[in-house]
Amino acid sequence: MVLVTEENLPRREHVLILLTGATGGLGTLVAERLAGQGDVVLGTRAPERVRVPLPVRPLDFDVPDTLAGAFAGVDVLLLVSAGYGEDDTVIARHGAAVDAAERAGVRHIVYTSLTGDGDHLPYALPHRWTERRLREGSADWTILRNGLYAELLGQLAAPAPDGRLTAPLGRGRLAAVARADLADAAAAVVLAPAAHAGRTYELVGEEALGGEDLARAHGPGVVYESEPLALARERLTASGAAPFQVPMVLGTCSAVAAGFLDRTGGDLRALLGRAPRSAMDVITGLSG
């Protein structure tokens, strides 16, 4: 795909919506939904990886000098969480982004946060810090408290070739949500931000799934075995995961096992105007 940039498109009077994280899994899906929906630009530090034919602005939260130009003329900012890192790194990124957006006169910031039931998770703090920063700031805001992806649950509890599905989830369940549904919800909000100003939405799935559910869905030869956290830690550490990733993954599994992430419902159906996708269908489709 040929990269489309503002330099090789006709000059626009102004940019209405800017989406950050445009090359990530969620950001790419949102960009696809916003294409053709008005003035939209994509902010990313890797323009060569953009897959959606929309104008691109270079943007890197770790290089604050890139933010003023990226946010110039923007009315609505969809701030996709830059949550890959230690807490202080993520807080610095989000703080720099919100500061720059306010200086640039962005009128409304929509932020992809973490479900309220995720307060027990090791990576919750930067999300709650960012929510507080937005509420105390000068721009209108909307907070999308996204549940954990069905795709993530499918990765945490994928069957091995021998038919064993091993994960440290105990008998807990997760109200997993399809990433595509979260993208649909985000697109709906940024296209009509005034209707959602000052709102915090809980966007979790409508079915809670555990290891035994997934084993049954994968077929009669698949058996779920709950793995102790200590063994999971050894396995994950040996895989070459970054040091901060180990507690993130294990903390997620531990919260699921303890029953803190199984609450279903929330605001997703109302935002979508339809029933959410089946998390089970998403997970089984990963191996199809």
Protein backbone atom coordinates (compact mmCIF):
# COMPACT_ATOMS: atom_id res chain seq x y z
CA MET A 1 0.00 0.00 0.00
CA VAL A 2 1.31 3.48 -0.91
CA LEU A 3 1.57 5.72 2.16
CA VAL A 4 -0.84 8.64 1.98
CA THR A 5 0.42 11.77 3.70
CA GLU A 6 -0.89 15.30 4.01
CA GLU A 7 1.83 16.45 1.63
CA ASN A 8 0.44 14.42 -1.29
CA LEU A 9 -3.23 15.22 -0.66
CA PRO A 10 -5.05 18.47 -1.44
CA ARG A 11 -4.74 21.00 1.38
CA ARG A 12 -7.60 20.85 3.87
CA GLU A 13 -8.86 23.83 5.80
CA HIS A 14 -8.47 21.98 9.08
CA VAL A 15 -8.29 18.51 10.61
CA LEU A 16 -11.27 17.37 12.60
CA ILE A 17 -10.14 14.06 14.17
CA LEU A 18 -6.68 12.73 14.99
CA LEU A 19 -6.19 9.12 16.02
CA THR A 20 -3.04 8.05 17.87
CA GLY A 21 -1.69 4.51 17.91
CA ALA A 22 -2.75 4.18 14.29
CA THR A 23 -0.60 1.12 13.56
CA GLY A 24 -1.63 -0.91 16.60
CA GLY A 25 -4.30 -3.59 16.65
CA LEU A 26 -7.06 -1.37 18.03
CA GLY A 27 -5.90 1.79 16.27
CA THR A 28 -5.87 0.14 12.86
CA LEU A 29 -9.43 -1.09 13.33
CA VAL A 30 -10.62 2.36 14.39
CA ALA A 31 -8.85 3.96 11.43
CA GLU A 32 -10.65 1.59 9.06
CA ARG A 33 -13.97 2.67 10.51
CA LEU A 34 -13.16 6.38 10.32
CA ALA A 35 -11.96 6.29 6.70
CA GLY A 36 -14.38 8.28 4.58
CA GLN A 37 -16.13 9.73 7.65
CA GLY A 38 -14.84 13.31 7.36
CA ASP A 39 -11.54 14.99 8.20
CA VAL A 40 -9.37 12.31 9.83
CA VAL A 41 -5.61 12.04 10.21
CA LEU A 42 -3.52 9.29 11.77
CA GLY A 43 -0.77 9.96 14.28
CA THR A 44 2.06 7.44 14.50
CA ARG A 45 5.79 7.13 14.98
CA ALA A 46 5.92 4.46 12.26
CA PRO A 47 4.26 5.93 9.14
CA GLU A 48 5.58 3.10 7.00
CA ARG A 49 3.38 0.65 8.91
CA VAL A 50 0.08 2.46 8.32
CA ARG A 51 -2.35 0.22 6.43
CA VAL A 52 -5.34 2.57 6.08
CA PRO A 53 -5.30 5.19 3.27
CA LEU A 54 -5.65 8.30 5.43
CA PRO A 55 -3.35 11.30 5.90
CA VAL A 56 -0.52 10.69 8.37
CA ARG A 57 1.22 12.97 10.85
CA PRO A 58 4.46 11.90 12.57
CA LEU A 59 3.83 11.61 16.31
CA ASP A 60 5.87 10.04 19.09
CA PHE A 61 4.82 10.32 22.73
CA ASP A 62 8.45 9.70 23.74
CA VAL A 63 9.52 12.76 21.72
CA PRO A 64 7.27 15.59 22.98
CA ASP A 65 8.60 17.99 20.34
CA THR A 66 6.60 16.03 17.73
CA LEU A 67 3.28 16.63 19.46
CA ALA A 68 2.67 20.34 18.80
CA GLY A 69 2.76 19.89 15.04
CA ALA A 70 0.75 16.68 15.18
CA PHE A 71 -2.07 18.28 17.19
CA ALA A 72 -2.22 21.59 15.30
CA GLY A 73 -5.75 22.28 14.07
CA VAL A 74 -7.22 19.14 15.65
CA ASP A 75 -10.69 19.36 17.11
CA VAL A 76 -11.13 15.81 18.46
CA LEU A 77 -8.29 13.58 19.64
CA LEU A 78 -8.71 9.86 20.07
CA LEU A 79 -5.92 9.06 22.51
CA VAL A 80 -5.26 5.33 22.30
CA SER A 81 -3.44 4.27 25.44
CA ALA A 82 0.32 3.93 25.03
CA GLY A 83 0.38 1.26 27.71
CA TYR A 84 3.39 -0.75 26.58
CA GLY A 85 5.95 0.12 29.25
CA GLU A 86 6.61 0.74 32.92
CA ASP A 87 4.12 2.93 34.80
CA ASP A 88 6.33 6.02 34.84
CA THR A 89 6.95 5.72 31.10
CA VAL A 90 3.26 5.42 30.27
CA ILE A 91 2.31 8.31 32.59
CA ALA A 92 4.96 10.51 30.97
CA ARG A 93 3.64 9.65 27.51
CA HIS A 94 0.03 10.36 28.35
CA GLY A 95 0.88 13.51 30.28
CA ALA A 96 2.88 14.88 27.37
CA ALA A 97 0.04 14.08 24.97
CA VAL A 98 -2.68 15.74 27.04
CA ASP A 99 -0.50 18.79 27.76
CA ALA A 100 0.26 19.25 24.06
CA ALA A 101 -3.37 18.71 23.05
CA GLU A 102 -4.55 21.40 25.45
CA ARG A 103 -1.90 23.84 24.26
CA ALA A 104 -2.94 23.19 20.66
CA GLY A 105 -6.58 23.94 21.46
CA VAL A 106 -7.96 20.43 21.01
CA ARG A 107 -11.57 20.69 22.14
CA HIS A 108 -12.35 17.06 22.99
CA ILE A 109 -10.14 14.13 24.03
CA VAL A 110 -11.47 10.57 23.88
CA TYR A 111 -9.27 8.16 25.83
CA THR A 112 -9.15 4.36 25.67
CA SER A 113 -8.77 3.36 29.30
CA LEU A 114 -9.16 0.13 31.30
CA THR A 115 -12.35 -1.36 32.73
CA GLY A 116 -13.11 -0.29 36.27
CA ASP A 117 -12.93 -3.91 37.40
CA GLY A 118 -9.29 -3.84 36.33
CA ASP A 119 -8.12 -1.80 39.32
CA HIS A 120 -6.42 -4.96 40.63
CA LEU A 121 -4.28 -5.23 37.49
CA PRO A 122 -0.61 -4.20 37.60
CA TYR A 123 -1.06 -1.78 34.68
CA ALA A 124 -4.16 0.02 36.00
CA LEU A 125 -2.35 2.98 37.58
CA PRO A 126 -1.41 4.87 34.38
CA HIS A 127 -5.00 4.56 33.17
CA ARG A 128 -6.45 6.00 36.36
CA TRP A 129 -3.81 8.75 36.36
CA THR A 130 -4.75 9.70 32.80
CA GLU A 131 -8.45 9.71 33.62
CA ARG A 132 -7.81 12.11 36.50
CA ARG A 133 -5.62 14.32 34.31
CA LEU A 134 -8.39 14.58 31.72
CA ARG A 135 -11.06 15.40 34.31
CA GLU A 136 -8.88 18.18 35.70
CA GLY A 137 -7.95 19.55 32.28
CA SER A 138 -9.36 22.21 29.99
CA ALA A 139 -10.66 20.02 27.15
CA ASP A 140 -13.91 18.11 27.02
CA TRP A 141 -13.34 14.41 27.56
CA THR A 142 -14.84 10.97 27.16
CA ILE A 143 -13.35 7.87 28.79
CA LEU A 144 -13.78 4.45 27.19
CA ARG A 145 -13.02 1.88 29.89
CA ASN A 146 -12.23 -1.05 27.65
CA GLY A 147 -12.47 -4.60 28.93
CA LEU A 148 -9.76 -7.12 28.19
CA TYR A 149 -9.72 -8.44 24.65
CA ALA A 150 -11.15 -11.79 23.73
CA GLU A 151 -8.04 -12.10 21.58
CA LEU A 152 -5.88 -11.81 24.72
CA LEU A 153 -7.80 -14.56 26.49
CA GLY A 154 -7.36 -16.74 23.43
CA GLN A 155 -3.60 -16.21 23.61
CA LEU A 156 -3.40 -16.85 27.36
CA ALA A 157 -5.38 -20.08 27.06
CA ALA A 158 -4.47 -21.61 23.71
CA PRO A 159 -4.40 -25.42 23.44
CA ALA A 160 -1.07 -27.17 22.90
CA PRO A 161 -0.61 -29.77 20.15
CA ASP A 162 -1.12 -32.53 22.74
CA GLY A 163 -4.63 -31.23 23.50
CA ARG A 164 -3.83 -29.72 26.88
CA LEU A 165 -4.96 -26.16 27.51
CA THR A 166 -2.78 -24.94 30.36
CA ALA A 167 -3.11 -21.50 31.96
CA PRO A 168 -3.03 -20.04 35.51
CA LEU A 169 -6.70 -19.04 35.44
CA GLY A 170 -8.06 -21.38 38.09
CA ARG A 171 -11.82 -21.55 37.75
CA GLY A 172 -12.11 -17.84 37.10
CA ARG A 173 -13.79 -16.27 34.11
CA LEU A 174 -13.20 -13.15 32.05
CA ALA A 175 -15.88 -10.89 30.55
CA ALA A 176 -13.81 -10.68 27.39
CA VAL A 177 -14.72 -8.30 24.59
CA ALA A 178 -14.01 -8.40 20.87
CA ARG A 179 -11.44 -5.80 19.86
CA ALA A 180 -13.54 -5.03 16.77
CA ASP A 181 -16.45 -4.02 19.03
CA LEU A 182 -14.22 -1.64 20.97
CA ALA A 183 -13.13 -0.11 17.66
CA ASP A 184 -16.76 0.32 16.62
CA ALA A 185 -17.55 2.02 19.93
CA ALA A 186 -14.56 4.36 19.72
CA ALA A 187 -15.44 5.38 16.17
CA ALA A 188 -19.03 6.10 17.17
CA VAL A 189 -17.89 8.37 20.01
CA VAL A 190 -15.32 10.41 18.07
CA LEU A 191 -17.77 10.98 15.22
CA ALA A 192 -20.30 12.52 17.63
CA PRO A 193 -18.20 13.68 20.61
CA ALA A 194 -20.57 16.29 21.99
CA ALA A 195 -23.13 13.61 22.76
CA HIS A 196 -20.58 11.82 24.94
CA ALA A 197 -18.84 14.71 26.71
CA GLY A 198 -18.07 14.03 30.36
CA ARG A 199 -19.10 10.38 30.10
CA THR A 200 -17.21 7.31 31.28
CA TYR A 201 -18.29 4.09 29.56
CA GLU A 202 -17.72 0.55 30.82
CA LEU A 203 -17.11 -1.60 27.75
CA VAL A 204 -16.93 -5.26 28.75
CA GLY A 205 -18.34 -8.40 27.19
CA GLU A 206 -21.70 -9.99 27.81
CA GLU A 207 -20.38 -13.50 28.46
CA ALA A 208 -17.71 -14.54 30.97
CA LEU A 209 -15.40 -17.31 29.79
CA GLY A 210 -12.96 -19.54 31.66
CA GLY A 211 -10.46 -22.22 30.82
CA GLU A 212 -12.98 -25.04 30.87
CA ASP A 213 -15.29 -23.13 28.52
CA LEU A 214 -12.46 -22.65 26.06
CA ALA A 215 -11.42 -26.30 26.26
CA ARG A 216 -14.94 -27.43 25.39
CA ALA A 217 -15.10 -24.98 22.50
CA HIS A 218 -11.87 -26.30 21.01
CA GLY A 219 -13.21 -29.84 20.81
CA PRO A 220 -13.63 -33.07 22.79
CA GLY A 221 -9.92 -33.83 22.80
CA VAL A 222 -8.93 -30.62 24.58
CA VAL A 223 -8.62 -30.62 28.38
CA TYR A 224 -8.10 -27.55 30.58
CA GLU A 225 -5.46 -27.72 33.32
CA SER A 226 -5.02 -24.83 35.74
CA GLU A 227 -1.34 -23.99 36.03
CA PRO A 228 0.24 -22.60 39.23
CA LEU A 229 1.39 -19.01 38.90
CA ALA A 230 4.95 -19.97 39.84
CA LEU A 231 5.23 -22.35 36.89
CA ALA A 232 3.67 -19.78 34.58
CA ARG A 233 6.23 -17.23 35.77
CA GLU A 234 9.09 -19.58 34.97
CA ARG A 235 7.70 -20.31 31.53
CA LEU A 236 7.04 -16.67 30.70
CA THR A 237 10.42 -15.52 31.96
CA ALA A 238 12.17 -18.17 29.87
CA SER A 239 10.28 -17.02 26.79
CA GLY A 240 12.30 -13.79 26.68
CA ALA A 241 9.48 -11.48 27.77
CA ALA A 242 10.52 -8.02 28.92
CA PRO A 243 10.79 -7.72 32.72
CA PHE A 244 7.69 -5.49 33.00
CA GLN A 245 5.64 -7.87 30.89
CA VAL A 246 5.89 -10.77 33.34
CA PRO A 247 3.90 -9.16 36.19
CA MET A 248 1.45 -7.69 33.67
CA VAL A 249 0.55 -11.10 32.26
CA LEU A 250 0.59 -12.93 35.59
CA GLY A 251 -1.36 -10.17 37.30
CA THR A 252 -4.03 -10.45 34.62
CA CYS A 253 -4.26 -14.21 35.08
CA SER A 254 -4.35 -13.86 38.85
CA ALA A 255 -7.19 -11.32 38.70
CA VAL A 256 -9.17 -13.61 36.41
CA ALA A 257 -8.58 -16.59 38.69
CA ALA A 258 -9.69 -14.59 41.73
CA GLY A 259 -12.96 -13.63 40.04
CA PHE A 260 -12.40 -9.89 39.68
CA LEU A 261 -12.94 -9.65 35.92
CA ASP A 262 -16.07 -11.70 35.31
CA ARG A 263 -18.71 -8.96 35.58
CA THR A 264 -20.65 -8.68 32.32
CA GLY A 265 -22.89 -5.98 30.91
CA GLY A 266 -21.86 -2.35 30.88
CA ASP A 267 -22.41 0.19 28.13
CA LEU A 268 -21.12 -1.62 25.06
CA ARG A 269 -24.46 -2.71 23.64
CA ALA A 270 -25.90 0.80 23.97
CA LEU A 271 -22.92 2.42 22.23
CA LEU A 272 -22.95 -0.13 19.43
CA GLY A 273 -26.71 -0.09 18.95
CA ARG A 274 -26.59 -3.87 18.56
CA ALA A 275 -25.53 -7.02 20.39
CA PRO A 276 -21.75 -7.34 20.87
CA ARG A 277 -19.85 -10.00 18.99
CA SER A 278 -19.46 -13.35 20.71
CA ALA A 279 -16.14 -13.50 22.54
CA MET A 280 -16.16 -17.28 22.14
CA ASP A 281 -16.53 -16.95 18.38
CA VAL A 282 -13.58 -14.55 18.31
CA ILE A 283 -11.38 -16.90 20.35
CA THR A 284 -12.20 -20.07 18.43
CA GLY A 285 -11.75 -18.16 15.20
CA LEU A 286 -8.12 -17.45 16.15
CA SER A 287 -7.31 -21.15 15.73
CA GLY A 288 -9.55 -21.70 12.74
